[in-house]
Amino acid sequence: MKKLIPLEEGDFYLSKEGYKVFTEKYHLKRGYCCESGCRHCPYGFDKKTNRRA
């Protein structure tokens, strides 16, 4: 089971459509890439090529 990480200020923002967008800070705190093509992925995953840079 994956560990729940409590959200803190600066971990996300709301897009103009109302979606929660996680920041690079949150991804680094989480500690791994989920391979979902996140907008602020610090691990370099590219959903188009399905690879990490």
N, C-alpha and C. Protein backbone atom coordinates (compact mmCIF):
# COMPACT_ATOMS: atom_id res chain seq x y z
N MET A 1 0.84 -1.17 0.00
CA MET A 1 0.00 0.00 0.00
C MET A 1 0.89 1.25 0.00
N LYS A 2 0.53 2.23 -0.79
CA LYS A 2 1.31 3.46 -0.90
C LYS A 2 1.04 4.36 0.30
N LYS A 3 2.10 5.07 0.71
CA LYS A 3 2.01 5.96 1.86
C LYS A 3 1.26 7.23 1.48
N LEU A 4 0.32 7.65 2.32
CA LEU A 4 -0.40 8.91 2.10
C LEU A 4 0.48 10.07 2.53
N ILE A 5 0.59 11.06 1.67
CA ILE A 5 1.38 12.24 1.98
C ILE A 5 0.41 13.40 2.15
N PRO A 6 0.41 14.01 3.34
CA PRO A 6 -0.51 15.14 3.56
C PRO A 6 -0.14 16.32 2.67
N LEU A 7 -1.16 16.97 2.13
CA LEU A 7 -0.93 18.13 1.28
C LEU A 7 -0.64 19.36 2.12
N GLU A 8 0.34 20.12 1.66
CA GLU A 8 0.72 21.36 2.32
C GLU A 8 0.64 22.49 1.32
N GLU A 9 0.73 23.72 1.81
CA GLU A 9 0.72 24.88 0.93
C GLU A 9 1.90 24.77 -0.05
N GLY A 10 1.63 25.01 -1.32
CA GLY A 10 2.66 24.94 -2.34
C GLY A 10 2.76 23.58 -3.02
N ASP A 11 1.99 22.60 -2.57
CA ASP A 11 2.02 21.28 -3.18
C ASP A 11 1.18 21.19 -4.45
N PHE A 12 0.21 22.09 -4.60
CA PHE A 12 -0.66 22.07 -5.77
C PHE A 12 -1.27 23.44 -5.98
N TYR A 13 -1.86 23.61 -7.15
CA TYR A 13 -2.67 24.79 -7.43
C TYR A 13 -3.84 24.33 -8.27
N LEU A 14 -4.86 25.16 -8.35
CA LEU A 14 -6.04 24.81 -9.15
C LEU A 14 -5.92 25.44 -10.52
N SER A 15 -6.14 24.63 -11.55
CA SER A 15 -6.12 25.15 -12.92
C SER A 15 -7.37 26.00 -13.14
N LYS A 16 -7.40 26.73 -14.25
CA LYS A 16 -8.58 27.56 -14.51
C LYS A 16 -9.83 26.71 -14.70
N GLU A 17 -9.65 25.43 -15.04
CA GLU A 17 -10.79 24.52 -15.18
C GLU A 17 -11.20 23.92 -13.84
N GLY A 18 -10.40 24.17 -12.78
CA GLY A 18 -10.74 23.67 -11.45
C GLY A 18 -10.06 22.37 -11.06
N TYR A 19 -9.10 21.90 -11.88
CA TYR A 19 -8.38 20.67 -11.56
C TYR A 19 -7.22 20.96 -10.62
N LYS A 20 -6.91 20.01 -9.76
CA LYS A 20 -5.76 20.12 -8.86
C LYS A 20 -4.51 19.73 -9.67
N VAL A 21 -3.52 20.63 -9.72
CA VAL A 21 -2.28 20.40 -10.46
C VAL A 21 -1.14 20.34 -9.44
N PHE A 22 -0.50 19.18 -9.34
CA PHE A 22 0.58 19.02 -8.37
C PHE A 22 1.86 19.67 -8.87
N THR A 23 2.58 20.30 -7.94
CA THR A 23 3.81 21.00 -8.28
C THR A 23 5.01 20.05 -8.21
N GLU A 24 6.14 20.53 -8.72
CA GLU A 24 7.38 19.76 -8.66
C GLU A 24 7.73 19.45 -7.20
N LYS A 25 7.49 20.41 -6.31
CA LYS A 25 7.75 20.23 -4.88
C LYS A 25 7.02 19.00 -4.35
N TYR A 26 5.74 18.86 -4.72
CA TYR A 26 4.97 17.71 -4.24
C TYR A 26 5.51 16.41 -4.80
N HIS A 27 5.82 16.40 -6.10
CA HIS A 27 6.34 15.17 -6.72
C HIS A 27 7.64 14.73 -6.07
N LEU A 28 8.53 15.67 -5.76
CA LEU A 28 9.78 15.33 -5.11
C LEU A 28 9.53 14.81 -3.69
N LYS A 29 8.57 15.39 -3.01
CA LYS A 29 8.23 14.94 -1.66
C LYS A 29 7.66 13.52 -1.72
N ARG A 30 6.88 13.24 -2.75
CA ARG A 30 6.30 11.90 -2.90
C ARG A 30 7.39 10.87 -3.16
N GLY A 31 8.39 11.23 -3.95
CA GLY A 31 9.56 10.38 -4.10
C GLY A 31 9.60 9.40 -5.26
N TYR A 32 8.62 9.43 -6.13
CA TYR A 32 8.64 8.52 -7.29
C TYR A 32 7.78 9.09 -8.41
N CYS A 33 7.99 8.57 -9.60
CA CYS A 33 7.22 8.98 -10.77
C CYS A 33 6.04 8.02 -10.96
N CYS A 34 4.85 8.57 -11.14
CA CYS A 34 3.65 7.74 -11.34
C CYS A 34 3.42 7.42 -12.82
N GLU A 35 4.24 8.01 -13.70
CA GLU A 35 4.17 7.79 -15.14
C GLU A 35 2.81 8.14 -15.73
N SER A 36 2.22 9.23 -15.23
CA SER A 36 0.94 9.70 -15.75
C SER A 36 1.09 10.92 -16.65
N GLY A 37 2.33 11.36 -16.84
CA GLY A 37 2.56 12.54 -17.69
C GLY A 37 2.21 13.83 -16.98
N CYS A 38 2.51 13.92 -15.70
CA CYS A 38 2.19 15.12 -14.91
C CYS A 38 2.89 16.35 -15.48
N ARG A 39 2.21 17.47 -15.42
CA ARG A 39 2.70 18.74 -15.97
C ARG A 39 4.03 19.17 -15.36
N HIS A 40 4.22 18.93 -14.07
CA HIS A 40 5.43 19.39 -13.37
C HIS A 40 6.31 18.23 -12.91
N CYS A 41 6.38 17.17 -13.69
CA CYS A 41 7.16 15.98 -13.30
C CYS A 41 8.66 16.29 -13.27
N PRO A 42 9.30 16.14 -12.10
CA PRO A 42 10.74 16.38 -12.02
C PRO A 42 11.56 15.17 -12.45
N TYR A 43 10.90 14.07 -12.76
CA TYR A 43 11.60 12.84 -13.11
C TYR A 43 11.79 12.67 -14.62
N GLY A 44 11.25 13.60 -15.40
CA GLY A 44 11.48 13.60 -16.84
C GLY A 44 10.66 12.61 -17.63
N PHE A 45 9.54 12.15 -17.09
CA PHE A 45 8.72 11.19 -17.84
C PHE A 45 7.99 11.90 -18.97
N ASP A 46 8.03 11.29 -20.15
CA ASP A 46 7.34 11.84 -21.33
C ASP A 46 6.27 10.84 -21.74
N LYS A 47 5.02 11.22 -21.59
CA LYS A 47 3.90 10.32 -21.88
C LYS A 47 3.84 9.95 -23.36
N LYS A 48 4.32 10.84 -24.23
CA LYS A 48 4.29 10.55 -25.67
C LYS A 48 5.21 9.38 -26.03
N THR A 49 6.39 9.35 -25.42
CA THR A 49 7.35 8.28 -25.73
C THR A 49 7.31 7.16 -24.70
N ASN A 50 6.58 7.39 -23.60
CA ASN A 50 6.47 6.42 -22.51
C ASN A 50 7.83 6.11 -21.89
N ARG A 51 8.71 7.13 -21.82
CA ARG A 51 10.04 6.96 -21.27
C ARG A 51 10.41 8.15 -20.39
N ARG A 52 11.40 7.90 -19.55
CA ARG A 52 11.98 8.99 -18.75
C ARG A 52 13.18 9.53 -19.49
N ALA A 53 13.37 10.83 -19.39
CA ALA A 53 14.49 11.48 -20.09
C ALA A 53 15.80 11.20 -19.40
